[in-house]
Amino acid sequence: MKVLDVLGVRVEMPTNHPIVLLRERDGVRYLPIWIGAAEATAIAYAQQGVVPPRPLTHDLLRTVIDETGHTLTHVRITALQDGVFHAILAIDGGAAGGGVDIDSRSSDAIALALRAGADIVAEESLLEEAGVEMAEPEEDEVEKFKAFLDHVSADDFDTESDS
């Protein structure tokens, strides 16, 4: 199993569909997962530490798991079938021991994992099938350039001529 980190939610252009972007913790592969708008919001809220005035569904589920004496040990992204990622919630058995695996949409599993502080993992075979490799130095340069563009103005350039 490979541990994945959530980099964030992005919007794919030109379709404007949200994507959650996962990255292999000790590698160079990324796993883009297309998700719905509500799930994108839930994931972004969890990453930003936003606490809504009333619990969202993922907050409620985490509370139910905790209050019943169980722990979400990890989330497994298990398969890509017909363009849809599938996931499993691995929940320990609490005081009774054992545990249970519960089928889940990948986006819900990710949103819950972020709230519970649980690892998100995937099989090597899934990363080979659906992972995308991107060179880190190029991405760093692109991010630096985007940051530059966000803060640059025409006043930053000397437009006076010598004549």
Protein backbone atom coordinates (compact mmCIF):
# COMPACT_ATOMS: atom_id res chain seq x y z
CA MET A 1 0.00 0.00 0.00
CA LYS A 2 1.13 3.51 -0.83
CA VAL A 3 0.17 6.45 1.39
CA LEU A 4 -1.35 9.40 -0.47
CA ASP A 5 -1.53 13.04 0.61
CA VAL A 6 -4.37 15.34 -0.39
CA LEU A 7 -2.88 18.30 -2.26
CA GLY A 8 -6.22 20.01 -2.66
CA VAL A 9 -9.21 20.53 -4.84
CA ARG A 10 -8.73 21.96 -8.31
CA VAL A 11 -11.06 22.73 -11.18
CA GLU A 12 -10.44 20.99 -14.49
CA MET A 13 -10.61 23.29 -17.45
CA PRO A 14 -12.52 23.68 -19.73
CA THR A 15 -15.26 21.53 -18.14
CA ASN A 16 -15.12 23.25 -14.72
CA HIS A 17 -15.42 19.87 -12.96
CA PRO A 18 -13.78 19.67 -9.53
CA ILE A 19 -10.89 17.26 -9.00
CA VAL A 20 -9.28 16.23 -5.75
CA LEU A 21 -5.58 15.77 -6.36
CA LEU A 22 -3.74 13.14 -4.33
CA ARG A 23 0.02 12.66 -4.39
CA GLU A 24 2.03 9.60 -3.48
CA ARG A 25 3.79 10.51 -0.22
CA ASP A 26 7.13 8.91 -1.10
CA GLY A 27 6.96 9.15 -4.86
CA VAL A 28 6.21 11.29 -7.88
CA ARG A 29 2.79 10.00 -8.92
CA TYR A 30 -0.43 11.95 -8.61
CA LEU A 31 -3.93 10.53 -8.54
CA PRO A 32 -6.59 12.94 -9.88
CA ILE A 33 -10.14 11.99 -8.86
CA TRP A 34 -13.11 13.79 -10.40
CA ILE A 35 -15.66 14.62 -7.70
CA GLY A 36 -18.90 16.52 -7.22
CA ALA A 37 -19.14 20.14 -6.10
CA ALA A 38 -20.52 19.29 -2.64
CA GLU A 39 -17.70 16.82 -2.01
CA ALA A 40 -15.15 19.35 -3.27
CA THR A 41 -16.48 21.82 -0.70
CA ALA A 42 -16.38 19.22 2.08
CA ILE A 43 -12.75 18.35 1.28
CA ALA A 44 -11.70 21.99 1.01
CA TYR A 45 -13.40 22.82 4.33
CA ALA A 46 -11.55 19.96 6.06
CA GLN A 47 -8.21 21.07 4.61
CA GLN A 48 -8.78 24.68 5.65
CA GLY A 49 -10.03 23.77 9.13
CA VAL A 50 -13.42 25.39 8.55
CA VAL A 51 -15.87 24.44 11.29
CA PRO A 52 -19.45 24.92 10.10
CA PRO A 53 -22.08 26.10 12.59
CA ARG A 54 -23.87 22.75 12.21
CA PRO A 55 -22.11 19.47 11.37
CA LEU A 56 -21.90 18.50 7.73
CA THR A 57 -22.53 14.86 6.82
CA HIS A 58 -18.83 13.96 7.03
CA ASP A 59 -18.54 15.65 10.44
CA LEU A 60 -21.58 13.71 11.62
CA LEU A 61 -20.17 10.40 10.42
CA ARG A 62 -16.87 11.06 12.18
CA THR A 63 -18.75 11.84 15.40
CA VAL A 64 -20.80 8.64 15.09
CA ILE A 65 -17.63 6.56 14.58
CA ASP A 66 -15.89 8.24 17.54
CA GLU A 67 -18.87 8.15 19.91
CA THR A 68 -19.44 4.44 19.30
CA GLY A 69 -15.87 3.75 20.39
CA HIS A 70 -14.43 3.06 16.97
CA THR A 71 -11.67 4.63 14.88
CA LEU A 72 -11.31 5.18 11.17
CA THR A 73 -7.90 3.56 10.78
CA HIS A 74 -7.43 4.37 7.10
CA VAL A 75 -9.15 4.84 3.78
CA ARG A 76 -8.24 2.64 0.81
CA ILE A 77 -8.79 3.81 -2.74
CA THR A 78 -9.38 0.35 -4.15
CA ALA A 79 -10.33 0.44 -7.80
CA LEU A 80 -11.11 2.43 -10.91
CA GLN A 81 -14.12 0.94 -12.68
CA ASP A 82 -15.79 2.60 -15.66
CA GLY A 83 -14.08 5.88 -14.81
CA VAL A 84 -15.24 5.85 -11.18
CA PHE A 85 -12.92 5.42 -8.20
CA HIS A 86 -14.07 3.15 -5.39
CA ALA A 87 -12.93 3.26 -1.77
CA ILE A 88 -13.16 1.40 1.52
CA LEU A 89 -13.44 2.85 5.01
CA ALA A 90 -11.39 0.65 7.36
CA ILE A 91 -12.89 0.97 10.84
CA ASP A 92 -11.47 -0.81 13.87
CA GLY A 93 -13.73 -2.88 16.09
CA GLY A 94 -13.30 -0.73 19.19
CA ALA A 95 -13.41 -2.56 22.52
CA ALA A 96 -14.98 -5.60 20.83
CA GLY A 97 -11.89 -6.07 18.65
CA GLY A 98 -11.88 -6.96 14.99
CA GLY A 99 -12.92 -4.40 12.47
CA VAL A 100 -15.03 -3.76 9.44
CA ASP A 101 -14.51 -2.50 5.90
CA ILE A 102 -17.29 -0.31 4.52
CA ASP A 103 -17.76 0.49 0.82
CA SER A 104 -17.61 4.21 0.10
CA ARG A 105 -17.39 6.76 -2.65
CA SER A 106 -13.78 7.91 -2.88
CA SER A 107 -14.70 11.57 -2.37
CA ASP A 108 -16.65 10.81 0.83
CA ALA A 109 -13.84 8.60 2.08
CA ILE A 110 -11.27 11.36 1.49
CA ALA A 111 -13.43 13.99 3.22
CA LEU A 112 -13.87 11.68 6.22
CA ALA A 113 -10.17 10.73 6.35
CA LEU A 114 -9.20 14.40 6.49
CA ARG A 115 -11.55 14.99 9.42
CA ALA A 116 -10.40 11.88 11.27
CA GLY A 117 -6.69 12.30 10.59
CA ALA A 118 -6.63 8.87 8.92
CA ASP A 119 -4.23 7.84 6.17
CA ILE A 120 -5.41 7.54 2.59
CA VAL A 121 -3.78 4.60 0.83
CA ALA A 122 -3.88 2.89 -2.55
CA GLU A 123 -2.47 -0.30 -4.02
CA GLU A 124 0.59 -0.02 -6.23
CA SER A 125 -1.41 -1.55 -9.07
CA LEU A 126 -4.01 1.25 -8.92
CA LEU A 127 -1.29 3.90 -9.00
CA GLU A 128 0.27 2.15 -11.99
CA GLU A 129 -3.11 2.14 -13.74
CA ALA A 130 -4.41 5.61 -12.92
CA GLY A 131 -1.49 7.57 -11.49
CA VAL A 132 0.13 10.40 -13.39
CA GLU A 133 3.79 11.31 -13.06
CA MET A 134 4.74 14.97 -12.95
CA ALA A 135 8.20 16.38 -12.55
CA GLU A 136 8.50 18.32 -9.31
CA PRO A 137 10.96 21.00 -10.48
CA GLU A 138 8.67 22.00 -13.34
CA GLU A 139 5.70 22.24 -11.01
CA ASP A 140 7.70 24.39 -8.60
CA GLU A 141 8.61 26.74 -11.43
CA VAL A 142 5.02 26.92 -12.64
CA GLU A 143 3.81 27.72 -9.10
CA LYS A 144 6.48 30.41 -8.71
CA PHE A 145 5.46 31.91 -12.04
CA LYS A 146 1.76 31.87 -11.05
CA ALA A 147 2.63 33.60 -7.76
CA PHE A 148 4.65 36.17 -9.67
CA LEU A 149 1.72 36.85 -12.02
CA ASP A 150 -0.64 37.22 -9.07
CA HIS A 151 1.45 40.05 -7.63
CA VAL A 152 2.93 41.81 -10.64
CA SER A 153 1.61 45.07 -12.04
CA ALA A 154 2.54 47.34 -14.95
CA ASP A 155 4.19 49.70 -12.44
CA ASP A 156 6.79 47.00 -11.75
CA PHE A 157 8.27 47.51 -15.24
CA ASP A 158 10.25 50.55 -16.31
CA THR A 159 8.51 51.76 -19.47
CA GLU A 160 10.58 54.92 -20.00
CA SER A 161 12.73 55.01 -23.11
CA ASP A 162 16.18 56.54 -23.52
CA SER A 163 15.06 59.00 -26.21
